[in-house]
Amino acid sequence: MANSIFMNIYLQKLREFVNIFSNDSESIFKAHGDTLIHPGEFGKYREETTKNILKMLLKKSYGIGDGFILTSKDTVSTQCDIVIYDNNTIPLIQENSVNFFPVETVVGIGEIKSSLNKTQFKETLQKMAKNKALQFERIKQKRQQESDCFNEFDSICSFLICDDVNFNLQSIDFDEIYQGFDIALRHNCILIINKGCFFYKLTKDRIKGSFFERQSEKELTYPFPVHIEKGAIYPIKSAILLNETSREELAGFFFHHLTLGIEKCIIHSFHLSSYAEYNFEEYYLQDN
């Protein structure tokens, strides 16, 4: 049974979220020539609204920011509109108001866009996949190194939110978009507010543990592009939920599955010694 107070607050937040992505909200930032006066500020406006929803739904142990991902192998991601990270292990590293996050602490990345054409849609997903690939450079604990099995939860959740696209959702070919990418690097969830959202569909005979034990449907929605069963990796079929009810309900469905995925992601330990290199031969150690 749902809690009426929580649902009223949540629905109000979802309405605000949807309205901020609408044309009415965009008009605040437009001049007479129908040109955005401050496109960067409008983008930030949408990003902050998304962060507020996530802060409401995720545990306080998760931090939500934006910036770049670092690895101990001296790799840096392109800029991420949203970065979700473990708030308990290390504070984000700031340099001149730019945020950097060690990849071991990151559990989610997101891109927030307005309207996209097919080329922009493809480029955005490929950008996220490249950033997500930094998860393979994380420093793992010994017990994780000894494991010979990939764990679907041992990954970074990636998501895209946009207002609309100018093409038919059924025409999307994710195999073509992600050609050359490991299947584990595909998106977890996509929300296109005016049209629908993408997730994955898992048959009940492939469920491990009790992740969806309360659901009774034969086919279940799943926030990961792969599933591991008895050491084998199974690609999960992509599915579309079209916007046939309301944009608020669609957004609520999206955030429900996104937060399920994020909270299942494994957080790795951050070790300063792996990121900072010191040559102690240059120093003289004196007795105290």
C-alpha atoms as a PDB file:
ATOM      1  CA  MET A   1       0.000   0.000   0.000  1.00  0.00           C
ATOM      2  CA  ALA A   2       1.383   3.402  -1.000  1.00  0.00           C
ATOM      3  CA  ASN A   3       1.838   6.277   1.428  1.00  0.00           C
ATOM      4  CA  SER A   4      -0.389   9.167   0.371  1.00  0.00           C
ATOM      5  CA  ILE A   5       1.852  11.910   1.788  1.00  0.00           C
ATOM      6  CA  PHE A   6       4.954  10.574   0.046  1.00  0.00           C
ATOM      7  CA  MET A   7       3.069  10.065  -3.228  1.00  0.00           C
ATOM      8  CA  ASN A   8       1.662  13.607  -3.187  1.00  0.00           C
ATOM      9  CA  ILE A   9       5.133  15.085  -2.658  1.00  0.00           C
ATOM     10  CA  TYR A  10       6.680  12.756  -5.230  1.00  0.00           C
ATOM     11  CA  LEU A  11       4.040  13.500  -7.887  1.00  0.00           C
ATOM     12  CA  GLN A  12       4.536  17.221  -7.301  1.00  0.00           C
ATOM     13  CA  LYS A  13       8.292  16.774  -7.869  1.00  0.00           C
ATOM     14  CA  LEU A  14       7.618  14.758 -11.036  1.00  0.00           C
ATOM     15  CA  ARG A  15       5.278  17.467 -12.371  1.00  0.00           C
ATOM     16  CA  GLU A  16       7.956  20.095 -11.735  1.00  0.00           C
ATOM     17  CA  PHE A  17      10.518  17.873 -13.451  1.00  0.00           C
ATOM     18  CA  VAL A  18       8.340  17.367 -16.541  1.00  0.00           C
ATOM     19  CA  ASN A  19       7.347  21.036 -16.731  1.00  0.00           C
ATOM     20  CA  ILE A  20      10.959  22.214 -16.573  1.00  0.00           C
ATOM     21  CA  PHE A  21      11.687  20.096 -19.655  1.00  0.00           C
ATOM     22  CA  SER A  22       8.672  21.588 -21.454  1.00  0.00           C
ATOM     23  CA  ASN A  23       8.508  24.426 -23.973  1.00  0.00           C
ATOM     24  CA  ASP A  24       6.897  26.723 -21.393  1.00  0.00           C
ATOM     25  CA  SER A  25       9.961  26.462 -19.179  1.00  0.00           C
ATOM     26  CA  GLU A  26      12.306  26.973 -22.131  1.00  0.00           C
ATOM     27  CA  SER A  27      10.530  30.225 -23.029  1.00  0.00           C
ATOM     28  CA  ILE A  28      11.920  31.802 -19.833  1.00  0.00           C
ATOM     29  CA  PHE A  29      15.406  31.606 -21.368  1.00  0.00           C
ATOM     30  CA  LYS A  30      14.420  32.801 -24.864  1.00  0.00           C
ATOM     31  CA  ALA A  31      14.740  36.216 -26.483  1.00  0.00           C
ATOM     32  CA  HIS A  32      12.323  37.677 -29.043  1.00  0.00           C
ATOM     33  CA  GLY A  33      14.048  35.812 -31.865  1.00  0.00           C
ATOM     34  CA  ASP A  34      13.189  32.463 -30.272  1.00  0.00           C
ATOM     35  CA  THR A  35      16.879  31.941 -29.484  1.00  0.00           C
ATOM     36  CA  LEU A  36      18.063  30.750 -26.082  1.00  0.00           C
ATOM     37  CA  ILE A  37      19.678  33.661 -24.229  1.00  0.00           C
ATOM     38  CA  HIS A  38      21.615  31.381 -21.862  1.00  0.00           C
ATOM     39  CA  PRO A  39      21.580  27.809 -23.243  1.00  0.00           C
ATOM     40  CA  GLY A  40      24.159  26.723 -20.667  1.00  0.00           C
ATOM     41  CA  GLU A  41      22.060  28.042 -17.785  1.00  0.00           C
ATOM     42  CA  PHE A  42      18.939  26.338 -19.149  1.00  0.00           C
ATOM     43  CA  GLY A  43      20.858  23.064 -19.325  1.00  0.00           C
ATOM     44  CA  LYS A  44      21.959  23.527 -15.707  1.00  0.00           C
ATOM     45  CA  TYR A  45      18.350  24.254 -14.763  1.00  0.00           C
ATOM     46  CA  ARG A  46      17.312  20.830 -16.071  1.00  0.00           C
ATOM     47  CA  GLU A  47      20.297  19.079 -14.523  1.00  0.00           C
ATOM     48  CA  GLU A  48      19.581  20.522 -11.068  1.00  0.00           C
ATOM     49  CA  THR A  49      15.940  19.425 -11.312  1.00  0.00           C
ATOM     50  CA  THR A  50      17.065  15.889 -12.147  1.00  0.00           C
ATOM     51  CA  LYS A  51      19.496  15.922  -9.219  1.00  0.00           C
ATOM     52  CA  ASN A  52      16.697  16.981  -6.854  1.00  0.00           C
ATOM     53  CA  ILE A  53      14.555  13.997  -7.878  1.00  0.00           C
ATOM     54  CA  LEU A  54      17.481  11.620  -7.392  1.00  0.00           C
ATOM     55  CA  LYS A  55      18.303  13.123  -3.982  1.00  0.00           C
ATOM     56  CA  MET A  56      14.738  12.434  -2.916  1.00  0.00           C
ATOM     57  CA  LEU A  57      14.838   8.787  -4.024  1.00  0.00           C
ATOM     58  CA  LEU A  58      18.398   7.666  -3.239  1.00  0.00           C
ATOM     59  CA  LYS A  59      19.970   7.040   0.147  1.00  0.00           C
ATOM     60  CA  LYS A  60      21.954   9.861   1.709  1.00  0.00           C
ATOM     61  CA  SER A  61      25.100   7.772   1.303  1.00  0.00           C
ATOM     62  CA  TYR A  62      25.025   8.673  -2.406  1.00  0.00           C
ATOM     63  CA  GLY A  63      26.395  12.000  -3.561  1.00  0.00           C
ATOM     64  CA  ILE A  64      25.059  13.585  -6.746  1.00  0.00           C
ATOM     65  CA  GLY A  65      27.148  16.014  -8.757  1.00  0.00           C
ATOM     66  CA  ASP A  66      28.613  16.654 -12.193  1.00  0.00           C
ATOM     67  CA  GLY A  67      32.087  16.638 -13.671  1.00  0.00           C
ATOM     68  CA  PHE A  68      34.759  14.186 -14.771  1.00  0.00           C
ATOM     69  CA  ILE A  69      35.755  10.630 -13.823  1.00  0.00           C
ATOM     70  CA  LEU A  70      39.395   9.803 -13.074  1.00  0.00           C
ATOM     71  CA  THR A  71      41.211   6.465 -13.004  1.00  0.00           C
ATOM     72  CA  SER A  72      44.531   5.430 -11.464  1.00  0.00           C
ATOM     73  CA  LYS A  73      45.793   4.758 -15.009  1.00  0.00           C
ATOM     74  CA  ASP A  74      45.715   8.500 -15.766  1.00  0.00           C
ATOM     75  CA  THR A  75      42.513   8.297 -17.819  1.00  0.00           C
ATOM     76  CA  VAL A  76      39.911  11.072 -17.674  1.00  0.00           C
ATOM     77  CA  SER A  77      36.350  10.909 -18.972  1.00  0.00           C
ATOM     78  CA  THR A  78      34.570  13.572 -20.955  1.00  0.00           C
ATOM     79  CA  GLN A  79      32.292  15.756 -18.844  1.00  0.00           C
ATOM     80  CA  CYS A  80      29.243  14.044 -17.331  1.00  0.00           C
ATOM     81  CA  ASP A  81      26.055  16.039 -16.690  1.00  0.00           C
ATOM     82  CA  ILE A  82      25.241  13.815 -13.698  1.00  0.00           C
ATOM     83  CA  VAL A  83      27.652  11.775 -11.569  1.00  0.00           C
ATOM     84  CA  ILE A  84      26.327   9.607  -8.727  1.00  0.00           C
ATOM     85  CA  TYR A  85      29.022   8.506  -6.309  1.00  0.00           C
ATOM     86  CA  ASP A  86      29.615   7.004  -2.884  1.00  0.00           C
ATOM     87  CA  ASN A  87      29.547   9.892  -0.443  1.00  0.00           C
ATOM     88  CA  ASN A  88      31.135   7.878   2.364  1.00  0.00           C
ATOM     89  CA  THR A  89      34.500   6.992   0.879  1.00  0.00           C
ATOM     90  CA  ILE A  90      35.997  10.240  -0.408  1.00  0.00           C
ATOM     91  CA  PRO A  91      34.799  13.787  -1.001  1.00  0.00           C
ATOM     92  CA  LEU A  92      34.773  14.856  -4.617  1.00  0.00           C
ATOM     93  CA  ILE A  93      37.994  16.488  -5.793  1.00  0.00           C
ATOM     94  CA  GLN A  94      37.479  20.106  -6.842  1.00  0.00           C
ATOM     95  CA  GLU A  95      39.765  22.289  -8.935  1.00  0.00           C
ATOM     96  CA  ASN A  96      38.525  25.770  -9.899  1.00  0.00           C
ATOM     97  CA  SER A  97      34.874  24.681  -9.467  1.00  0.00           C
ATOM     98  CA  VAL A  98      35.398  21.607 -11.680  1.00  0.00           C
ATOM     99  CA  ASN A  99      34.619  18.269 -10.025  1.00  0.00           C
ATOM    100  CA  PHE A 100      36.645  15.067 -10.429  1.00  0.00           C
ATOM    101  CA  PHE A 101      35.546  11.659  -9.136  1.00  0.00           C
ATOM    102  CA  PRO A 102      37.727   8.541  -8.730  1.00  0.00           C
ATOM    103  CA  VAL A 103      36.076   5.798 -10.793  1.00  0.00           C
ATOM    104  CA  GLU A 104      36.034   3.423  -7.802  1.00  0.00           C
ATOM    105  CA  THR A 105      33.474   5.671  -6.079  1.00  0.00           C
ATOM    106  CA  VAL A 106      31.166   6.180  -9.088  1.00  0.00           C
ATOM    107  CA  VAL A 107      27.932   4.172  -9.424  1.00  0.00           C
ATOM    108  CA  GLY A 108      26.030   6.243 -11.985  1.00  0.00           C
ATOM    109  CA  ILE A 109      26.465   8.707 -14.854  1.00  0.00           C
ATOM    110  CA  GLY A 110      23.801  10.550 -16.822  1.00  0.00           C
ATOM    111  CA  GLU A 111      23.335  12.890 -19.761  1.00  0.00           C
ATOM    112  CA  ILE A 112      20.570  15.520 -19.739  1.00  0.00           C
ATOM    113  CA  LYS A 113      19.490  16.858 -23.142  1.00  0.00           C
ATOM    114  CA  SER A 114      16.659  18.784 -24.790  1.00  0.00           C
ATOM    115  CA  SER A 115      15.540  17.511 -28.212  1.00  0.00           C
ATOM    116  CA  LEU A 116      17.795  15.168 -30.175  1.00  0.00           C
ATOM    117  CA  ASN A 117      17.962  14.039 -33.767  1.00  0.00           C
ATOM    118  CA  LYS A 118      19.061  10.503 -34.591  1.00  0.00           C
ATOM    119  CA  THR A 119      22.737  11.405 -34.990  1.00  0.00           C
ATOM    120  CA  GLN A 120      22.825  13.317 -31.690  1.00  0.00           C
ATOM    121  CA  PHE A 121      21.023  10.448 -29.946  1.00  0.00           C
ATOM    122  CA  LYS A 122      23.633   7.974 -31.194  1.00  0.00           C
ATOM    123  CA  GLU A 123      26.566  10.233 -30.292  1.00  0.00           C
ATOM    124  CA  THR A 124      25.230  10.786 -26.765  1.00  0.00           C
ATOM    125  CA  LEU A 125      24.861   7.050 -26.104  1.00  0.00           C
ATOM    126  CA  GLN A 126      28.321   6.342 -27.500  1.00  0.00           C
ATOM    127  CA  LYS A 127      29.804   9.093 -25.317  1.00  0.00           C
ATOM    128  CA  MET A 128      28.231   7.486 -22.243  1.00  0.00           C
ATOM    129  CA  ALA A 129      29.509   4.043 -23.265  1.00  0.00           C
ATOM    130  CA  LYS A 130      33.071   5.398 -23.564  1.00  0.00           C
ATOM    131  CA  ASN A 131      32.828   7.028 -20.142  1.00  0.00           C
ATOM    132  CA  LYS A 132      31.302   3.876 -18.685  1.00  0.00           C
ATOM    133  CA  ALA A 133      34.267   1.872 -20.044  1.00  0.00           C
ATOM    134  CA  LEU A 134      36.418   3.475 -17.353  1.00  0.00           C
ATOM    135  CA  GLN A 135      34.820   0.964 -14.965  1.00  0.00           C
ATOM    136  CA  PHE A 136      37.250  -1.618 -16.365  1.00  0.00           C
ATOM    137  CA  GLU A 137      40.135   0.465 -14.943  1.00  0.00           C
ATOM    138  CA  ARG A 138      38.884   0.342 -11.363  1.00  0.00           C
ATOM    139  CA  ILE A 139      41.160  -1.077  -8.695  1.00  0.00           C
ATOM    140  CA  LYS A 140      39.492  -4.201  -7.358  1.00  0.00           C
ATOM    141  CA  GLN A 141      39.947  -5.846  -4.007  1.00  0.00           C
ATOM    142  CA  LYS A 142      41.713  -9.205  -3.911  1.00  0.00           C
ATOM    143  CA  ARG A 143      38.505 -11.217  -3.613  1.00  0.00           C
ATOM    144  CA  GLN A 144      37.118  -9.407  -6.662  1.00  0.00           C
ATOM    145  CA  GLN A 145      40.314 -10.041  -8.627  1.00  0.00           C
ATOM    146  CA  GLU A 146      40.085 -13.747  -7.876  1.00  0.00           C
ATOM    147  CA  SER A 147      36.532 -13.947  -9.187  1.00  0.00           C
ATOM    148  CA  ASP A 148      36.426 -15.362 -12.707  1.00  0.00           C
ATOM    149  CA  CYS A 149      32.850 -14.250 -13.308  1.00  0.00           C
ATOM    150  CA  PHE A 150      31.635 -10.837 -14.436  1.00  0.00           C
ATOM    151  CA  ASN A 151      28.902  -9.515 -12.169  1.00  0.00           C
ATOM    152  CA  GLU A 152      26.208  -7.383 -13.764  1.00  0.00           C
ATOM    153  CA  PHE A 153      26.079  -5.304 -10.568  1.00  0.00           C
ATOM    154  CA  ASP A 154      29.819  -4.635 -10.832  1.00  0.00           C
ATOM    155  CA  SER A 155      29.206  -1.784 -13.252  1.00  0.00           C
ATOM    156  CA  ILE A 156      28.306   1.887 -13.525  1.00  0.00           C
ATOM    157  CA  CYS A 157      24.664   2.703 -14.285  1.00  0.00           C
ATOM    158  CA  SER A 158      24.283   5.041 -17.272  1.00  0.00           C
ATOM    159  CA  PHE A 159      21.151   6.915 -18.267  1.00  0.00           C
ATOM    160  CA  LEU A 160      19.927   9.492 -20.760  1.00  0.00           C
ATOM    161  CA  ILE A 161      17.071  11.934 -20.209  1.00  0.00           C
ATOM    162  CA  CYS A 162      15.807  14.155 -23.020  1.00  0.00           C
ATOM    163  CA  ASP A 163      12.645  16.063 -23.780  1.00  0.00           C
ATOM    164  CA  ASP A 164      12.001  14.622 -27.244  1.00  0.00           C
ATOM    165  CA  VAL A 165      13.485  13.080 -30.389  1.00  0.00           C
ATOM    166  CA  ASN A 166      12.539  13.775 -34.013  1.00  0.00           C
ATOM    167  CA  PHE A 167      12.344  10.122 -35.078  1.00  0.00           C
ATOM    168  CA  ASN A 168      10.276   7.016 -34.372  1.00  0.00           C
ATOM    169  CA  LEU A 169      11.393   5.088 -31.299  1.00  0.00           C
ATOM    170  CA  GLN A 170      10.793   1.752 -33.027  1.00  0.00           C
ATOM    171  CA  SER A 171      13.384   2.696 -35.653  1.00  0.00           C
ATOM    172  CA  ILE A 172      16.234   2.655 -33.110  1.00  0.00           C
ATOM    173  CA  ASP A 173      18.791  -0.111 -33.660  1.00  0.00           C
ATOM    174  CA  PHE A 174      20.894  -0.385 -30.503  1.00  0.00           C
ATOM    175  CA  ASP A 175      23.094  -3.072 -32.059  1.00  0.00           C
ATOM    176  CA  GLU A 176      24.106  -0.533 -34.710  1.00  0.00           C
ATOM    177  CA  ILE A 177      24.556   2.296 -32.190  1.00  0.00           C
ATOM    178  CA  TYR A 178      26.776   0.204 -29.923  1.00  0.00           C
ATOM    179  CA  GLN A 179      28.717  -1.588 -32.640  1.00  0.00           C
ATOM    180  CA  GLY A 180      32.234  -2.238 -31.320  1.00  0.00           C
ATOM    181  CA  PHE A 181      31.246  -1.715 -27.659  1.00  0.00           C
ATOM    182  CA  ASP A 182      31.062  -4.397 -24.974  1.00  0.00           C
ATOM    183  CA  ILE A 183      27.390  -5.129 -24.287  1.00  0.00           C
ATOM    184  CA  ALA A 184      27.912  -4.326 -20.600  1.00  0.00           C
ATOM    185  CA  LEU A 185      28.629  -0.699 -21.623  1.00  0.00           C
ATOM    186  CA  ARG A 186      25.146  -0.100 -23.002  1.00  0.00           C
ATOM    187  CA  HIS A 187      22.762   2.285 -21.254  1.00  0.00           C
ATOM    188  CA  ASN A 188      20.703   1.124 -18.298  1.00  0.00           C
ATOM    189  CA  CYS A 189      17.689   3.389 -18.814  1.00  0.00           C
ATOM    190  CA  ILE A 190      16.585   6.075 -21.277  1.00  0.00           C
ATOM    191  CA  LEU A 191      13.757   8.554 -20.711  1.00  0.00           C
ATOM    192  CA  ILE A 192      12.325  10.515 -23.643  1.00  0.00           C
ATOM    193  CA  ILE A 193       9.711  12.524 -21.780  1.00  0.00           C
ATOM    194  CA  ASN A 194       7.325  13.174 -24.668  1.00  0.00           C
ATOM    195  CA  LYS A 195       7.506   9.690 -26.202  1.00  0.00           C
ATOM    196  CA  GLY A 196       8.561   6.863 -23.910  1.00  0.00           C
ATOM    197  CA  CYS A 197      11.402   5.148 -22.105  1.00  0.00           C
ATOM    198  CA  PHE A 198      13.771   2.261 -22.743  1.00  0.00           C
ATOM    199  CA  PHE A 199      14.720  -0.427 -20.276  1.00  0.00           C
ATOM    200  CA  TYR A 200      15.325  -4.195 -20.511  1.00  0.00           C
ATOM    201  CA  LYS A 201      13.019  -7.199 -20.320  1.00  0.00           C
ATOM    202  CA  LEU A 202      14.108 -10.256 -18.355  1.00  0.00           C
ATOM    203  CA  THR A 203      12.264 -13.586 -18.342  1.00  0.00           C
ATOM    204  CA  LYS A 204      11.641 -14.954 -14.890  1.00  0.00           C
ATOM    205  CA  ASP A 205      13.665 -18.135 -15.405  1.00  0.00           C
ATOM    206  CA  ARG A 206      16.824 -15.990 -15.654  1.00  0.00           C
ATOM    207  CA  ILE A 207      16.426 -14.130 -12.354  1.00  0.00           C
ATOM    208  CA  LYS A 208      19.030 -14.751  -9.670  1.00  0.00           C
ATOM    209  CA  GLY A 209      18.484 -14.135  -5.990  1.00  0.00           C
ATOM    210  CA  SER A 210      15.461 -12.127  -4.940  1.00  0.00           C
ATOM    211  CA  PHE A 211      15.892  -8.868  -6.878  1.00  0.00           C
ATOM    212  CA  PHE A 212      12.382  -9.132  -8.343  1.00  0.00           C
ATOM    213  CA  GLU A 213      10.912 -11.728  -5.998  1.00  0.00           C
ATOM    214  CA  ARG A 214       7.802  -9.635  -5.315  1.00  0.00           C
ATOM    215  CA  GLN A 215       6.868  -9.372  -8.974  1.00  0.00           C
ATOM    216  CA  SER A 216       4.729 -12.094 -10.474  1.00  0.00           C
ATOM    217  CA  GLU A 217       4.853 -11.305 -14.195  1.00  0.00           C
ATOM    218  CA  LYS A 218       6.508 -13.808 -16.495  1.00  0.00           C
ATOM    219  CA  GLU A 219       8.564 -11.047 -18.134  1.00  0.00           C
ATOM    220  CA  LEU A 220      10.060  -8.436 -15.850  1.00  0.00           C
ATOM    221  CA  THR A 221      11.653  -5.062 -16.411  1.00  0.00           C
ATOM    222  CA  TYR A 222      15.345  -5.039 -15.558  1.00  0.00           C
ATOM    223  CA  PRO A 223      17.770  -2.099 -15.206  1.00  0.00           C
ATOM    224  CA  PHE A 224      20.836  -3.891 -16.618  1.00  0.00           C
ATOM    225  CA  PRO A 225      21.760  -4.756 -20.230  1.00  0.00           C
ATOM    226  CA  VAL A 226      23.165  -8.173 -19.228  1.00  0.00           C
ATOM    227  CA  HIS A 227      22.332 -10.908 -16.732  1.00  0.00           C
ATOM    228  CA  ILE A 228      24.713 -13.492 -15.248  1.00  0.00           C
ATOM    229  CA  GLU A 229      23.472 -17.016 -14.706  1.00  0.00           C
ATOM    230  CA  LYS A 230      25.748 -19.919 -13.734  1.00  0.00           C
ATOM    231  CA  GLY A 231      28.794 -18.087 -15.055  1.00  0.00           C
ATOM    232  CA  ALA A 232      27.259 -17.313 -18.453  1.00  0.00           C
ATOM    233  CA  ILE A 233      26.568 -13.772 -19.711  1.00  0.00           C
ATOM    234  CA  TYR A 234      23.126 -13.287 -21.244  1.00  0.00           C
ATOM    235  CA  PRO A 235      22.341 -10.110 -23.208  1.00  0.00           C
ATOM    236  CA  ILE A 236      18.951  -8.765 -22.137  1.00  0.00           C
ATOM    237  CA  LYS A 237      16.364  -7.762 -24.708  1.00  0.00           C
ATOM    238  CA  SER A 238      15.667  -4.029 -24.963  1.00  0.00           C
ATOM    239  CA  ALA A 239      12.065  -2.925 -24.458  1.00  0.00           C
ATOM    240  CA  ILE A 240      10.092   0.297 -24.937  1.00  0.00           C
ATOM    241  CA  LEU A 241       7.390   1.746 -22.716  1.00  0.00           C
ATOM    242  CA  LEU A 242       5.485   4.266 -24.824  1.00  0.00           C
ATOM    243  CA  ASN A 243       3.960   7.368 -23.269  1.00  0.00           C
ATOM    244  CA  GLU A 244       0.300   6.365 -23.386  1.00  0.00           C
ATOM    245  CA  THR A 245      -0.798   7.708 -19.989  1.00  0.00           C
ATOM    246  CA  SER A 246       0.989  10.779 -18.626  1.00  0.00           C
ATOM    247  CA  ARG A 247       4.499  12.163 -18.722  1.00  0.00           C
ATOM    248  CA  GLU A 248       4.591  12.179 -14.917  1.00  0.00           C
ATOM    249  CA  GLU A 249       3.813   8.448 -14.691  1.00  0.00           C
ATOM    250  CA  LEU A 250       6.386   7.693 -17.371  1.00  0.00           C
ATOM    251  CA  ALA A 251       9.032   9.678 -15.471  1.00  0.00           C
ATOM    252  CA  GLY A 252       8.071   7.914 -12.243  1.00  0.00           C
ATOM    253  CA  PHE A 253       8.499   4.510 -13.904  1.00  0.00           C
ATOM    254  CA  PHE A 254      11.907   5.575 -15.232  1.00  0.00           C
ATOM    255  CA  PHE A 255      13.233   6.843 -11.891  1.00  0.00           C
ATOM    256  CA  HIS A 256      11.950   3.727 -10.118  1.00  0.00           C
ATOM    257  CA  HIS A 257      14.018   1.441 -12.337  1.00  0.00           C
ATOM    258  CA  LEU A 258      17.022   3.747 -12.417  1.00  0.00           C
ATOM    259  CA  THR A 259      17.292   3.898  -8.625  1.00  0.00           C
ATOM    260  CA  LEU A 260      16.848   0.113  -8.407  1.00  0.00           C
ATOM    261  CA  GLY A 261      19.855  -0.275 -10.682  1.00  0.00           C
ATOM    262  CA  ILE A 262      22.009   2.321  -8.916  1.00  0.00           C
ATOM    263  CA  GLU A 263      21.451   0.815  -5.476  1.00  0.00           C
ATOM    264  CA  LYS A 264      22.498  -2.618  -6.759  1.00  0.00           C
ATOM    265  CA  CYS A 265      25.828  -1.350  -8.119  1.00  0.00           C
ATOM    266  CA  ILE A 266      28.969  -2.450  -6.284  1.00  0.00           C
ATOM    267  CA  ILE A 267      31.085   0.314  -4.731  1.00  0.00           C
ATOM    268  CA  HIS A 268      34.847  -0.215  -4.790  1.00  0.00           C
ATOM    269  CA  SER A 269      37.379   1.032  -2.260  1.00  0.00           C
ATOM    270  CA  PHE A 270      39.366   4.138  -3.114  1.00  0.00           C
ATOM    271  CA  HIS A 271      43.088   3.990  -2.299  1.00  0.00           C
ATOM    272  CA  LEU A 272      45.041   7.245  -2.409  1.00  0.00           C
ATOM    273  CA  SER A 273      48.311   5.377  -2.960  1.00  0.00           C
ATOM    274  CA  SER A 274      47.041   4.185  -6.349  1.00  0.00           C
ATOM    275  CA  TYR A 275      46.411   7.743  -7.542  1.00  0.00           C
ATOM    276  CA  ALA A 276      49.330   9.579  -5.931  1.00  0.00           C
ATOM    277  CA  GLU A 277      52.866   8.495  -6.767  1.00  0.00           C
ATOM    278  CA  TYR A 278      55.784   9.473  -4.554  1.00  0.00           C
ATOM    279  CA  ASN A 279      59.489   8.874  -5.100  1.00  0.00           C
ATOM    280  CA  PHE A 280      60.764   8.403  -1.547  1.00  0.00           C
ATOM    281  CA  GLU A 281      64.360   8.005  -2.772  1.00  0.00           C
ATOM    282  CA  GLU A 282      64.445  11.776  -3.223  1.00  0.00           C
ATOM    283  CA  TYR A 283      63.862  12.322   0.489  1.00  0.00           C
ATOM    284  CA  TYR A 284      66.076  11.704   3.496  1.00  0.00           C
ATOM    285  CA  LEU A 285      64.377  10.094   6.461  1.00  0.00           C
ATOM    286  CA  GLN A 286      65.876  11.292   9.734  1.00  0.00           C
ATOM    287  CA  ASP A 287      65.564   9.718  13.145  1.00  0.00           C
ATOM    288  CA  ASN A 288      63.129  11.499  15.395  1.00  0.00           C
END
